[in-house]
Amino acid sequence: NDLEDIFLEVNHGPFIVDNNVFLSGSAIKTQSEGGAFVHNLIAGTVHNWNDPNRFTPYFLPHSTDMAGLTTIFGGDDRYYNNIFIGPGAGKVKEKEKYSLKGYENARLPVWIDGNIYCNGAVPSEKDAGFIALSSYDPGLILSEENGNGYLLLSYDKLFIEYGVKTVTTALLGKAKVPKADFDSPDGTSLTIDHDFSGNKRTLENNPAGPFSNIRGGGNKIKLW
């Protein structure tokens, strides 16, 4: 739609949002919990909130059989290896969140690690390992050529050198409410080791964000 890139409403998890390019002013709205946001490029705001008055179902793993009803407590989300891009240093309005500051008062625990913040985006108090270059502008440009979409952006050399963890079922743990693993549809363990374009990530080449075949300086990446 024309309001936000993704809106997650009353989910209890586990769900995974990985290897996406969010370029709208409002990138993520989530009235959910039990999610994992991994290797995304997020150039808009992130808005999260709870709902203590609305009871919604959660399900048995890999099933549509209902396990119970509960409200949205808020939290129990994981953000690993994303790139957050603000509108420019000094241009972020007071109530805008080009980061994960909305999780600072979450009721349930959150896990936030391996993210990069730039161009006015700043880390939250819940961030563990991160890179913060508030004044660095990657110069995002979305263009279309002969029916194909391309993203032009530049990477600081620190973005390339910053190796992050490989995200697996073991790292993500269990969503709290359904007590279910973040695993594959067939129930086997999951490893997020491919990028936006399907390129294999390796221990030596596993940068934050949705693209692995990148270089310091300017990049032109085909999106479609």
N, C-alpha and C. Protein backbone atom coordinates (compact mmCIF):
# COMPACT_ATOMS: atom_id res chain seq x y z
N ASN A 1 0.83 -1.19 0.00
CA ASN A 1 0.00 0.00 0.00
C ASN A 1 0.87 1.24 0.00
N ASP A 2 0.24 2.41 0.12
CA ASP A 2 1.01 3.65 0.07
C ASP A 2 1.21 4.26 1.45
N LEU A 3 1.06 3.43 2.49
CA LEU A 3 1.24 3.94 3.85
C LEU A 3 2.54 3.49 4.48
N GLU A 4 2.91 2.22 4.31
CA GLU A 4 4.15 1.70 4.89
C GLU A 4 4.60 0.50 4.06
N ASP A 5 5.85 0.12 4.24
CA ASP A 5 6.37 -1.04 3.52
C ASP A 5 5.80 -2.35 4.06
N ILE A 6 5.69 -2.46 5.38
CA ILE A 6 5.15 -3.69 5.96
C ILE A 6 4.46 -3.36 7.28
N PHE A 7 3.28 -3.95 7.47
CA PHE A 7 2.53 -3.79 8.72
C PHE A 7 2.20 -5.18 9.24
N LEU A 8 2.69 -5.49 10.43
CA LEU A 8 2.50 -6.79 11.05
C LEU A 8 1.52 -6.63 12.21
N GLU A 9 0.33 -7.20 12.05
CA GLU A 9 -0.75 -6.97 13.00
C GLU A 9 -1.07 -8.23 13.79
N VAL A 10 -0.99 -8.11 15.10
CA VAL A 10 -1.36 -9.12 16.10
C VAL A 10 -0.84 -10.53 15.77
N ASN A 11 0.44 -10.62 15.46
CA ASN A 11 1.11 -11.92 15.33
C ASN A 11 1.87 -12.20 16.63
N HIS A 12 1.92 -13.46 17.00
CA HIS A 12 2.64 -13.86 18.20
C HIS A 12 3.94 -14.62 17.87
N GLY A 13 4.19 -14.82 16.58
CA GLY A 13 5.41 -15.47 16.16
C GLY A 13 5.30 -16.99 16.19
N PRO A 14 6.38 -17.63 15.74
CA PRO A 14 7.57 -16.98 15.17
C PRO A 14 7.37 -16.61 13.69
N PHE A 15 7.90 -15.45 13.31
CA PHE A 15 7.91 -15.06 11.91
C PHE A 15 9.24 -14.36 11.61
N ILE A 16 9.67 -14.44 10.34
CA ILE A 16 10.96 -13.90 9.93
C ILE A 16 10.77 -12.93 8.77
N VAL A 17 11.40 -11.77 8.87
CA VAL A 17 11.41 -10.76 7.81
C VAL A 17 12.87 -10.55 7.43
N ASP A 18 13.31 -11.11 6.31
CA ASP A 18 14.74 -11.06 5.99
C ASP A 18 15.00 -10.65 4.55
N ASN A 19 16.15 -10.01 4.36
CA ASN A 19 16.66 -9.65 3.03
C ASN A 19 15.69 -8.80 2.23
N ASN A 20 15.17 -7.76 2.88
CA ASN A 20 14.27 -6.82 2.21
C ASN A 20 14.91 -5.45 2.06
N VAL A 21 14.34 -4.67 1.13
CA VAL A 21 14.75 -3.29 0.91
C VAL A 21 13.54 -2.42 1.21
N PHE A 22 13.55 -1.74 2.35
CA PHE A 22 12.43 -0.90 2.78
C PHE A 22 12.82 0.56 2.54
N LEU A 23 12.20 1.19 1.55
CA LEU A 23 12.59 2.54 1.16
C LEU A 23 11.52 3.59 1.42
N SER A 24 10.35 3.17 1.90
CA SER A 24 9.28 4.14 2.17
C SER A 24 9.59 4.95 3.42
N GLY A 25 8.91 6.10 3.55
CA GLY A 25 9.10 6.92 4.75
C GLY A 25 8.74 6.19 6.01
N SER A 26 7.71 5.34 5.94
CA SER A 26 7.34 4.46 7.04
C SER A 26 7.70 3.05 6.64
N ALA A 27 8.74 2.51 7.22
CA ALA A 27 9.26 1.20 6.79
C ALA A 27 8.52 0.05 7.45
N ILE A 28 8.51 0.02 8.78
CA ILE A 28 7.95 -1.11 9.52
C ILE A 28 6.98 -0.59 10.58
N LYS A 29 5.77 -1.12 10.56
CA LYS A 29 4.84 -0.96 11.66
C LYS A 29 4.52 -2.35 12.19
N THR A 30 4.70 -2.54 13.48
CA THR A 30 4.46 -3.87 14.03
C THR A 30 3.70 -3.79 15.35
N GLN A 31 2.51 -4.33 15.31
CA GLN A 31 1.69 -4.52 16.49
C GLN A 31 1.69 -6.02 16.78
N SER A 32 2.89 -6.54 16.88
CA SER A 32 3.11 -7.99 17.00
C SER A 32 4.26 -8.25 17.95
N GLU A 33 4.57 -9.52 18.11
CA GLU A 33 5.71 -9.95 18.92
C GLU A 33 6.18 -11.30 18.39
N GLY A 34 7.38 -11.69 18.79
CA GLY A 34 7.89 -12.98 18.34
C GLY A 34 8.41 -12.97 16.92
N GLY A 35 8.96 -11.83 16.48
CA GLY A 35 9.47 -11.71 15.12
C GLY A 35 10.98 -11.64 15.06
N ALA A 36 11.53 -11.91 13.87
CA ALA A 36 12.96 -11.78 13.62
C ALA A 36 13.14 -10.97 12.34
N PHE A 37 13.84 -9.86 12.45
CA PHE A 37 14.11 -8.97 11.32
C PHE A 37 15.61 -9.05 11.04
N VAL A 38 15.96 -9.62 9.88
CA VAL A 38 17.34 -10.03 9.64
C VAL A 38 17.80 -9.55 8.26
N HIS A 39 18.96 -8.92 8.21
CA HIS A 39 19.61 -8.52 6.94
C HIS A 39 18.69 -7.68 6.06
N ASN A 40 18.02 -6.70 6.65
CA ASN A 40 17.20 -5.77 5.87
C ASN A 40 17.90 -4.42 5.74
N LEU A 41 17.52 -3.68 4.71
CA LEU A 41 17.90 -2.28 4.58
C LEU A 41 16.64 -1.48 4.90
N ILE A 42 16.71 -0.63 5.92
CA ILE A 42 15.53 0.04 6.45
C ILE A 42 15.77 1.55 6.39
N ALA A 43 15.14 2.21 5.43
CA ALA A 43 15.38 3.63 5.21
C ALA A 43 14.19 4.49 5.66
N GLY A 44 13.31 3.92 6.46
CA GLY A 44 12.17 4.65 6.98
C GLY A 44 12.03 4.42 8.48
N THR A 45 10.93 4.90 9.03
CA THR A 45 10.72 4.78 10.47
C THR A 45 10.29 3.36 10.85
N VAL A 46 10.52 3.04 12.12
CA VAL A 46 10.07 1.78 12.71
C VAL A 46 9.15 2.13 13.88
N HIS A 47 7.93 1.64 13.82
CA HIS A 47 6.95 1.95 14.86
C HIS A 47 6.40 0.65 15.43
N ASN A 48 6.58 0.42 16.71
CA ASN A 48 6.08 -0.79 17.36
C ASN A 48 5.22 -0.42 18.55
N TRP A 49 4.17 -1.20 18.80
CA TRP A 49 3.33 -0.94 19.96
C TRP A 49 2.62 -2.21 20.40
N ASN A 50 2.18 -2.22 21.64
CA ASN A 50 1.48 -3.37 22.20
C ASN A 50 -0.03 -3.16 22.07
N ASP A 51 -0.79 -4.18 22.48
CA ASP A 51 -2.25 -4.07 22.50
C ASP A 51 -2.76 -4.95 23.65
N PRO A 52 -2.92 -4.36 24.84
CA PRO A 52 -3.29 -5.16 26.01
C PRO A 52 -4.77 -5.54 26.08
N ASN A 53 -5.57 -5.06 25.13
CA ASN A 53 -7.02 -5.27 25.21
C ASN A 53 -7.58 -6.16 24.11
N ARG A 54 -6.73 -6.63 23.23
CA ARG A 54 -7.20 -7.40 22.08
C ARG A 54 -6.65 -8.81 22.14
N PHE A 55 -7.51 -9.78 22.37
CA PHE A 55 -7.08 -11.17 22.46
C PHE A 55 -7.12 -11.80 21.06
N THR A 56 -6.01 -12.36 20.66
CA THR A 56 -5.91 -12.98 19.34
C THR A 56 -5.24 -14.36 19.47
N PRO A 57 -5.48 -15.25 18.51
CA PRO A 57 -4.99 -16.63 18.65
C PRO A 57 -3.51 -16.78 18.32
N TYR A 58 -2.90 -17.78 18.93
CA TYR A 58 -1.61 -18.29 18.48
C TYR A 58 -1.77 -19.78 18.25
N PHE A 59 -0.84 -20.36 17.48
CA PHE A 59 -1.07 -21.68 16.93
C PHE A 59 0.05 -22.66 17.30
N LEU A 60 -0.27 -23.94 17.17
CA LEU A 60 0.75 -24.97 17.33
C LEU A 60 1.75 -24.86 16.19
N PRO A 61 3.01 -25.23 16.41
CA PRO A 61 4.03 -25.10 15.35
C PRO A 61 3.62 -25.81 14.06
N HIS A 62 3.77 -25.10 12.93
CA HIS A 62 3.50 -25.65 11.61
C HIS A 62 2.08 -26.19 11.49
N SER A 63 1.14 -25.47 12.07
CA SER A 63 -0.24 -25.93 12.10
C SER A 63 -1.17 -24.73 12.15
N THR A 64 -2.42 -24.93 11.73
CA THR A 64 -3.45 -23.93 11.94
C THR A 64 -4.34 -24.29 13.13
N ASP A 65 -3.91 -25.28 13.92
CA ASP A 65 -4.62 -25.63 15.13
C ASP A 65 -4.31 -24.61 16.22
N MET A 66 -5.34 -24.01 16.78
CA MET A 66 -5.15 -22.95 17.75
C MET A 66 -4.67 -23.52 19.09
N ALA A 67 -3.63 -22.86 19.62
CA ALA A 67 -3.10 -23.28 20.92
C ALA A 67 -3.66 -22.45 22.06
N GLY A 68 -4.10 -21.23 21.77
CA GLY A 68 -4.63 -20.38 22.83
C GLY A 68 -4.91 -18.98 22.34
N LEU A 69 -5.34 -18.12 23.25
CA LEU A 69 -5.60 -16.71 22.98
C LEU A 69 -4.82 -15.86 23.96
N THR A 70 -4.28 -14.75 23.48
CA THR A 70 -3.59 -13.83 24.38
C THR A 70 -3.52 -12.46 23.72
N THR A 71 -3.08 -11.48 24.48
CA THR A 71 -2.91 -10.13 23.98
C THR A 71 -1.49 -9.94 23.44
N ILE A 72 -1.22 -8.77 22.90
CA ILE A 72 0.12 -8.43 22.43
C ILE A 72 0.84 -7.68 23.55
N PHE A 73 1.82 -8.33 24.15
CA PHE A 73 2.56 -7.72 25.25
C PHE A 73 3.55 -6.66 24.75
N GLY A 74 4.15 -6.93 23.59
CA GLY A 74 5.18 -6.05 23.06
C GLY A 74 6.57 -6.53 23.39
N GLY A 75 7.44 -6.59 22.38
CA GLY A 75 8.79 -7.10 22.56
C GLY A 75 8.92 -8.49 21.96
N ASP A 76 9.81 -9.28 22.51
CA ASP A 76 10.12 -10.63 22.02
C ASP A 76 10.48 -10.61 20.54
N ASP A 77 11.09 -9.53 20.07
CA ASP A 77 11.55 -9.42 18.69
C ASP A 77 13.07 -9.46 18.64
N ARG A 78 13.57 -9.84 17.47
CA ARG A 78 15.01 -9.91 17.24
C ARG A 78 15.33 -9.09 16.00
N TYR A 79 16.35 -8.24 16.09
CA TYR A 79 16.83 -7.47 14.95
C TYR A 79 18.32 -7.73 14.80
N TYR A 80 18.68 -8.50 13.79
CA TYR A 80 20.08 -8.84 13.54
C TYR A 80 20.50 -8.37 12.15
N ASN A 81 21.64 -7.69 12.09
CA ASN A 81 22.38 -7.47 10.83
C ASN A 81 21.62 -6.60 9.83
N ASN A 82 20.88 -5.62 10.32
CA ASN A 82 20.17 -4.69 9.45
C ASN A 82 20.95 -3.39 9.28
N ILE A 83 20.61 -2.63 8.24
CA ILE A 83 21.14 -1.29 8.04
C ILE A 83 20.00 -0.30 8.15
N PHE A 84 20.12 0.64 9.08
CA PHE A 84 19.12 1.69 9.28
C PHE A 84 19.65 3.00 8.72
N ILE A 85 18.85 3.63 7.87
CA ILE A 85 19.27 4.87 7.21
C ILE A 85 18.23 5.95 7.52
N GLY A 86 18.68 7.03 8.14
CA GLY A 86 17.78 8.13 8.46
C GLY A 86 17.65 9.12 7.32
N PRO A 87 16.90 10.22 7.54
CA PRO A 87 16.67 11.23 6.49
C PRO A 87 17.78 12.26 6.40
N GLY A 88 18.78 12.13 7.25
CA GLY A 88 19.88 13.09 7.27
C GLY A 88 20.19 13.49 8.70
N ALA A 89 21.46 13.67 9.00
CA ALA A 89 21.86 14.08 10.34
C ALA A 89 21.20 15.41 10.68
N GLY A 90 20.55 15.48 11.83
CA GLY A 90 19.88 16.71 12.26
C GLY A 90 18.50 16.90 11.68
N LYS A 91 18.01 15.95 10.87
CA LYS A 91 16.70 16.09 10.23
C LYS A 91 15.63 15.19 10.83
N VAL A 92 15.99 14.40 11.84
CA VAL A 92 15.03 13.50 12.46
C VAL A 92 14.18 14.28 13.45
N LYS A 93 12.86 14.25 13.26
CA LYS A 93 11.95 14.95 14.16
C LYS A 93 11.83 14.17 15.47
N GLU A 94 11.34 14.87 16.50
CA GLU A 94 11.37 14.31 17.85
C GLU A 94 10.64 12.98 17.96
N LYS A 95 9.48 12.84 17.33
CA LYS A 95 8.68 11.62 17.48
C LYS A 95 8.98 10.57 16.42
N GLU A 96 9.88 10.86 15.49
CA GLU A 96 10.23 9.90 14.45
C GLU A 96 11.29 8.94 14.97
N LYS A 97 11.17 7.68 14.60
CA LYS A 97 12.10 6.66 15.06
C LYS A 97 12.72 5.96 13.85
N TYR A 98 13.88 6.45 13.43
CA TYR A 98 14.63 5.79 12.36
C TYR A 98 15.62 4.81 12.99
N SER A 99 15.12 4.06 13.95
CA SER A 99 15.95 3.11 14.68
C SER A 99 15.01 2.25 15.51
N LEU A 100 15.49 1.67 16.58
CA LEU A 100 14.71 0.76 17.39
C LEU A 100 14.47 1.31 18.80
N LYS A 101 14.44 2.63 18.91
CA LYS A 101 14.23 3.25 20.22
C LYS A 101 12.84 2.94 20.78
N GLY A 102 11.90 2.60 19.90
CA GLY A 102 10.57 2.24 20.37
C GLY A 102 10.55 0.98 21.22
N TYR A 103 11.63 0.21 21.18
CA TYR A 103 11.71 -1.02 21.97
C TYR A 103 12.32 -0.80 23.35
N GLU A 104 12.73 0.41 23.65
CA GLU A 104 13.43 0.63 24.92
C GLU A 104 12.53 0.37 26.13
N ASN A 105 11.22 0.50 25.95
CA ASN A 105 10.30 0.25 27.06
C ASN A 105 9.42 -0.97 26.81
N ALA A 106 9.87 -1.86 25.93
CA ALA A 106 9.09 -3.06 25.63
C ALA A 106 8.97 -3.94 26.88
N ARG A 107 7.81 -4.56 27.05
CA ARG A 107 7.58 -5.40 28.22
C ARG A 107 8.41 -6.69 28.16
N LEU A 108 8.44 -7.32 26.98
CA LEU A 108 9.19 -8.56 26.83
C LEU A 108 10.61 -8.26 26.34
N PRO A 109 11.57 -9.15 26.57
CA PRO A 109 12.94 -8.93 26.11
C PRO A 109 13.03 -8.80 24.59
N VAL A 110 14.06 -8.10 24.14
CA VAL A 110 14.38 -8.01 22.71
C VAL A 110 15.86 -8.29 22.53
N TRP A 111 16.22 -8.73 21.34
CA TRP A 111 17.61 -9.03 20.99
C TRP A 111 17.97 -8.21 19.77
N ILE A 112 18.95 -7.32 19.93
CA ILE A 112 19.31 -6.38 18.87
C ILE A 112 20.83 -6.37 18.75
N ASP A 113 21.35 -6.83 17.61
CA ASP A 113 22.80 -6.99 17.49
C ASP A 113 23.20 -6.95 16.01
N GLY A 114 24.38 -6.43 15.74
CA GLY A 114 24.96 -6.49 14.40
C GLY A 114 24.39 -5.49 13.42
N ASN A 115 23.73 -4.44 13.91
CA ASN A 115 23.10 -3.48 13.03
C ASN A 115 24.01 -2.28 12.75
N ILE A 116 23.71 -1.59 11.65
CA ILE A 116 24.44 -0.38 11.26
C ILE A 116 23.45 0.78 11.21
N TYR A 117 23.84 1.92 11.75
CA TYR A 117 23.00 3.11 11.78
C TYR A 117 23.75 4.27 11.12
N CYS A 118 23.06 4.95 10.19
CA CYS A 118 23.74 6.06 9.51
C CYS A 118 22.73 7.12 9.07
N ASN A 119 23.27 8.27 8.67
CA ASN A 119 22.49 9.38 8.11
C ASN A 119 21.37 9.83 9.05
N GLY A 120 21.68 9.94 10.32
CA GLY A 120 20.71 10.41 11.29
C GLY A 120 20.06 9.32 12.11
N ALA A 121 20.13 8.07 11.67
CA ALA A 121 19.63 6.95 12.47
C ALA A 121 20.63 6.67 13.59
N VAL A 122 20.11 6.34 14.77
CA VAL A 122 20.98 6.12 15.93
C VAL A 122 20.56 4.84 16.64
N PRO A 123 21.49 4.16 17.31
CA PRO A 123 21.15 2.92 18.02
C PRO A 123 20.29 3.20 19.25
N SER A 124 19.62 2.15 19.71
CA SER A 124 18.81 2.25 20.92
C SER A 124 19.62 1.81 22.12
N GLU A 125 19.03 1.96 23.30
CA GLU A 125 19.69 1.49 24.52
C GLU A 125 19.78 -0.02 24.56
N LYS A 126 18.96 -0.71 23.76
CA LYS A 126 18.93 -2.17 23.75
C LYS A 126 19.92 -2.77 22.75
N ASP A 127 20.57 -1.93 21.94
CA ASP A 127 21.52 -2.44 20.95
C ASP A 127 22.75 -3.01 21.62
N ALA A 128 23.21 -4.15 21.12
CA ALA A 128 24.47 -4.74 21.58
C ALA A 128 25.56 -4.25 20.62
N GLY A 129 26.16 -5.15 19.83
CA GLY A 129 27.16 -4.72 18.87
C GLY A 129 26.52 -3.93 17.73
N PHE A 130 27.16 -2.84 17.31
CA PHE A 130 26.62 -2.03 16.21
C PHE A 130 27.70 -1.10 15.69
N ILE A 131 27.43 -0.50 14.53
CA ILE A 131 28.21 0.61 14.00
C ILE A 131 27.28 1.80 13.87
N ALA A 132 27.69 2.96 14.37
CA ALA A 132 26.89 4.18 14.27
C ALA A 132 27.71 5.27 13.58
N LEU A 133 27.28 5.63 12.39
CA LEU A 133 27.90 6.73 11.63
C LEU A 133 26.80 7.71 11.27
N SER A 134 26.37 8.49 12.24
CA SER A 134 25.18 9.31 12.07
C SER A 134 25.31 10.31 10.93
N SER A 135 26.53 10.76 10.66
CA SER A 135 26.71 11.79 9.64
C SER A 135 26.94 11.21 8.23
N TYR A 136 27.04 9.87 8.13
CA TYR A 136 27.34 9.28 6.82
C TYR A 136 26.07 9.12 6.01
N ASP A 137 26.08 9.68 4.81
CA ASP A 137 24.94 9.61 3.90
C ASP A 137 25.26 8.64 2.76
N PRO A 138 24.57 7.49 2.68
CA PRO A 138 24.85 6.53 1.60
C PRO A 138 24.31 6.94 0.25
N GLY A 139 23.59 8.05 0.19
CA GLY A 139 23.13 8.58 -1.10
C GLY A 139 22.18 7.67 -1.84
N LEU A 140 21.15 7.21 -1.18
CA LEU A 140 20.20 6.28 -1.79
C LEU A 140 19.49 6.91 -2.99
N ILE A 141 19.51 6.19 -4.11
CA ILE A 141 18.75 6.60 -5.30
C ILE A 141 18.12 5.36 -5.90
N LEU A 142 16.82 5.39 -6.12
CA LEU A 142 16.11 4.30 -6.79
C LEU A 142 15.82 4.76 -8.21
N SER A 143 16.29 3.99 -9.20
CA SER A 143 16.12 4.39 -10.59
C SER A 143 15.56 3.23 -11.41
N GLU A 144 15.01 3.54 -12.57
CA GLU A 144 14.47 2.53 -13.46
C GLU A 144 15.09 2.69 -14.83
N GLU A 145 15.58 1.57 -15.37
CA GLU A 145 16.20 1.57 -16.69
C GLU A 145 15.68 0.38 -17.48
N ASN A 146 15.04 0.65 -18.59
CA ASN A 146 14.53 -0.41 -19.47
C ASN A 146 13.67 -1.43 -18.72
N GLY A 147 12.84 -0.92 -17.83
CA GLY A 147 11.93 -1.79 -17.09
C GLY A 147 12.54 -2.47 -15.88
N ASN A 148 13.81 -2.23 -15.62
CA ASN A 148 14.48 -2.81 -14.45
C ASN A 148 14.71 -1.74 -13.39
N GLY A 149 14.61 -2.15 -12.12
CA GLY A 149 14.83 -1.23 -11.02
C GLY A 149 16.21 -1.41 -10.42
N TYR A 150 16.88 -0.31 -10.15
CA TYR A 150 18.23 -0.34 -9.59
C TYR A 150 18.30 0.56 -8.36
N LEU A 151 19.08 0.11 -7.39
CA LEU A 151 19.34 0.90 -6.21
C LEU A 151 20.79 1.34 -6.23
N LEU A 152 21.00 2.65 -6.18
CA LEU A 152 22.34 3.21 -6.10
C LEU A 152 22.59 3.65 -4.66
N LEU A 153 23.69 3.18 -4.11
CA LEU A 153 24.05 3.58 -2.75
C LEU A 153 25.53 3.35 -2.54
N SER A 154 26.08 4.08 -1.60
CA SER A 154 27.50 3.94 -1.28
C SER A 154 27.66 3.31 0.10
N TYR A 155 28.72 2.53 0.25
CA TYR A 155 29.04 1.88 1.52
C TYR A 155 30.34 2.44 2.06
N ASP A 156 30.32 2.89 3.30
CA ASP A 156 31.55 3.21 3.99
C ASP A 156 32.36 1.93 4.16
N LYS A 157 33.67 2.02 4.16
CA LYS A 157 34.50 0.82 4.28
C LYS A 157 34.23 0.07 5.58
N LEU A 158 33.77 0.78 6.62
CA LEU A 158 33.46 0.10 7.87
C LEU A 158 32.28 -0.85 7.71
N PHE A 159 31.36 -0.52 6.79
CA PHE A 159 30.23 -1.41 6.54
C PHE A 159 30.71 -2.75 6.00
N ILE A 160 31.73 -2.69 5.17
CA ILE A 160 32.26 -3.91 4.55
C ILE A 160 33.06 -4.73 5.56
N GLU A 161 33.82 -4.04 6.38
CA GLU A 161 34.70 -4.71 7.33
C GLU A 161 33.95 -5.28 8.52
N TYR A 162 32.73 -4.82 8.74
CA TYR A 162 31.98 -5.23 9.92
C TYR A 162 31.31 -6.58 9.67
N GLY A 163 31.97 -7.65 10.08
CA GLY A 163 31.41 -8.98 9.93
C GLY A 163 30.38 -9.26 11.01
N VAL A 164 29.29 -9.89 10.63
CA VAL A 164 28.21 -10.14 11.59
C VAL A 164 27.97 -11.64 11.75
N LYS A 165 27.17 -11.99 12.73
CA LYS A 165 26.87 -13.39 13.01
C LYS A 165 25.99 -13.98 11.91
N THR A 166 26.19 -15.26 11.64
CA THR A 166 25.25 -15.99 10.79
C THR A 166 24.02 -16.31 11.62
N VAL A 167 22.85 -15.96 11.09
CA VAL A 167 21.61 -16.12 11.83
C VAL A 167 21.04 -17.52 11.60
N THR A 168 20.79 -18.22 12.68
CA THR A 168 20.32 -19.60 12.63
C THR A 168 19.15 -19.79 13.60
N THR A 169 18.53 -20.95 13.50
CA THR A 169 17.48 -21.31 14.45
C THR A 169 17.98 -21.24 15.88
N ALA A 170 19.19 -21.71 16.10
CA ALA A 170 19.76 -21.70 17.46
C ALA A 170 19.93 -20.28 17.98
N LEU A 171 20.38 -19.36 17.14
CA LEU A 171 20.59 -17.98 17.56
C LEU A 171 19.25 -17.31 17.89
N LEU A 172 18.24 -17.57 17.10
CA LEU A 172 16.96 -16.88 17.26
C LEU A 172 16.16 -17.38 18.46
N GLY A 173 16.40 -18.59 18.89
CA GLY A 173 15.68 -19.12 20.05
C GLY A 173 14.23 -19.42 19.74
N LYS A 174 13.38 -19.32 20.75
CA LYS A 174 11.95 -19.61 20.60
C LYS A 174 11.12 -18.35 20.79
N ALA A 175 10.06 -18.21 20.00
CA ALA A 175 9.08 -17.18 20.26
C ALA A 175 8.40 -17.49 21.59
N LYS A 176 8.26 -16.49 22.45
CA LYS A 176 7.85 -16.74 23.83
C LYS A 176 6.44 -17.29 23.96
N VAL A 177 5.49 -16.67 23.28
CA VAL A 177 4.09 -17.07 23.49
C VAL A 177 3.80 -18.48 22.98
N PRO A 178 4.12 -18.80 21.72
CA PRO A 178 3.83 -20.16 21.24
C PRO A 178 4.90 -21.18 21.62
N LYS A 179 6.00 -20.71 22.17
CA LYS A 179 7.12 -21.59 22.54
C LYS A 179 7.59 -22.40 21.33
N ALA A 180 7.72 -21.73 20.19
CA ALA A 180 8.05 -22.38 18.93
C ALA A 180 9.36 -21.85 18.37
N ASP A 181 10.11 -22.73 17.68
CA ASP A 181 11.38 -22.36 17.07
C ASP A 181 11.16 -21.54 15.79
N PHE A 182 12.17 -20.74 15.46
CA PHE A 182 12.25 -20.10 14.16
C PHE A 182 12.94 -21.09 13.22
N ASP A 183 12.17 -21.92 12.57
CA ASP A 183 12.77 -22.97 11.75
C ASP A 183 12.16 -22.98 10.35
N SER A 184 12.57 -23.94 9.54
CA SER A 184 12.09 -24.07 8.17
C SER A 184 10.66 -24.62 8.16
N PRO A 185 9.95 -24.46 7.03
CA PRO A 185 8.58 -24.97 6.95
C PRO A 185 8.46 -26.46 7.25
N ASP A 186 9.53 -27.23 6.98
CA ASP A 186 9.47 -28.67 7.24
C ASP A 186 9.95 -29.03 8.65
N GLY A 187 10.23 -28.01 9.45
CA GLY A 187 10.64 -28.25 10.83
C GLY A 187 12.13 -28.42 11.04
N THR A 188 12.92 -28.39 9.97
CA THR A 188 14.37 -28.50 10.11
C THR A 188 14.97 -27.15 10.49
N SER A 189 16.20 -27.20 11.00
CA SER A 189 16.87 -25.98 11.43
C SER A 189 17.10 -25.04 10.25
N LEU A 190 17.05 -23.76 10.54
CA LEU A 190 17.14 -22.71 9.53
C LEU A 190 18.48 -22.00 9.62
N THR A 191 19.07 -21.68 8.48
CA THR A 191 20.25 -20.82 8.41
C THR A 191 20.00 -19.77 7.34
N ILE A 192 20.10 -18.50 7.70
CA ILE A 192 19.91 -17.42 6.73
C ILE A 192 21.28 -17.10 6.15
N ASP A 193 21.60 -17.78 5.06
CA ASP A 193 22.95 -17.68 4.49
C ASP A 193 22.93 -17.33 3.00
N HIS A 194 21.83 -16.73 2.53
CA HIS A 194 21.76 -16.18 1.18
C HIS A 194 21.28 -14.74 1.26
N ASP A 195 21.63 -13.94 0.26
CA ASP A 195 21.27 -12.52 0.31
C ASP A 195 20.05 -12.24 -0.57
N PHE A 196 19.75 -10.99 -0.75
CA PHE A 196 18.59 -10.54 -1.53
C PHE A 196 18.55 -11.16 -2.91
N SER A 197 19.72 -11.29 -3.54
CA SER A 197 19.81 -11.78 -4.91
C SER A 197 20.03 -13.28 -4.99
N GLY A 198 20.07 -13.95 -3.86
CA GLY A 198 20.30 -15.39 -3.84
C GLY A 198 21.76 -15.79 -3.75
N ASN A 199 22.65 -14.81 -3.58
CA ASN A 199 24.07 -15.11 -3.45
C ASN A 199 24.36 -15.73 -2.08
N LYS A 200 25.26 -16.68 -2.06
CA LYS A 200 25.62 -17.37 -0.83
C LYS A 200 26.45 -16.46 0.08
N ARG A 201 26.07 -16.39 1.33
CA ARG A 201 26.88 -15.70 2.32
C ARG A 201 27.89 -16.68 2.91
N THR A 202 29.05 -16.20 3.26
CA THR A 202 30.07 -17.02 3.87
C THR A 202 30.55 -16.36 5.16
N LEU A 203 31.33 -17.08 5.94
CA LEU A 203 31.88 -16.51 7.16
C LEU A 203 32.78 -15.32 6.84
N GLU A 204 33.45 -15.38 5.68
CA GLU A 204 34.36 -14.31 5.28
C GLU A 204 33.64 -13.15 4.62
N ASN A 205 32.43 -13.40 4.10
CA ASN A 205 31.70 -12.36 3.38
C ASN A 205 30.24 -12.39 3.83
N ASN A 206 30.00 -11.76 4.98
CA ASN A 206 28.66 -11.76 5.56
C ASN A 206 28.37 -10.38 6.15
N PRO A 207 28.25 -9.35 5.29
CA PRO A 207 28.02 -8.01 5.81
C PRO A 207 26.57 -7.81 6.26
N ALA A 208 26.36 -6.79 7.06
CA ALA A 208 25.00 -6.41 7.42
C ALA A 208 24.25 -5.92 6.18
N GLY A 209 22.93 -5.96 6.26
CA GLY A 209 22.11 -5.53 5.14
C GLY A 209 21.79 -6.68 4.20
N PRO A 210 20.99 -6.43 3.16
CA PRO A 210 20.50 -7.50 2.29
C PRO A 210 21.44 -7.90 1.15
N PHE A 211 22.56 -7.21 0.99
CA PHE A 211 23.44 -7.48 -0.14
C PHE A 211 24.81 -7.95 0.35
N SER A 212 25.31 -9.03 -0.25
CA SER A 212 26.63 -9.54 0.15
C SER A 212 27.71 -9.16 -0.86
N ASN A 213 27.39 -9.08 -2.14
CA ASN A 213 28.39 -8.74 -3.16
C ASN A 213 28.44 -7.23 -3.35
N ILE A 214 29.06 -6.57 -2.39
CA ILE A 214 29.15 -5.12 -2.41
C ILE A 214 30.59 -4.69 -2.19
N ARG A 215 30.85 -3.42 -2.41
CA ARG A 215 32.20 -2.89 -2.22
C ARG A 215 32.09 -1.52 -1.56
N GLY A 216 33.20 -1.07 -1.00
CA GLY A 216 33.24 0.26 -0.44
C GLY A 216 33.10 1.29 -1.55
N GLY A 217 32.39 2.38 -1.27
CA GLY A 217 32.11 3.36 -2.30
C GLY A 217 30.78 3.06 -2.98
N GLY A 218 30.67 3.48 -4.24
CA GLY A 218 29.41 3.37 -4.95
C GLY A 218 29.05 1.96 -5.39
N ASN A 219 27.77 1.63 -5.31
CA ASN A 219 27.25 0.35 -5.76
C ASN A 219 25.97 0.57 -6.54
N LYS A 220 25.76 -0.23 -7.56
CA LYS A 220 24.52 -0.22 -8.35
C LYS A 220 23.97 -1.62 -8.32
N ILE A 221 22.83 -1.78 -7.66
CA ILE A 221 22.29 -3.12 -7.40
C ILE A 221 20.94 -3.28 -8.09
N LYS A 222 20.79 -4.34 -8.85
CA LYS A 222 19.53 -4.59 -9.53
C LYS A 222 18.54 -5.19 -8.54
N LEU A 223 17.37 -4.54 -8.43
CA LEU A 223 16.31 -5.02 -7.54
C LEU A 223 15.27 -5.85 -8.29
N TRP A 224 14.95 -5.46 -9.52
CA TRP A 224 14.03 -6.23 -10.34
C TRP A 224 14.30 -6.02 -11.81
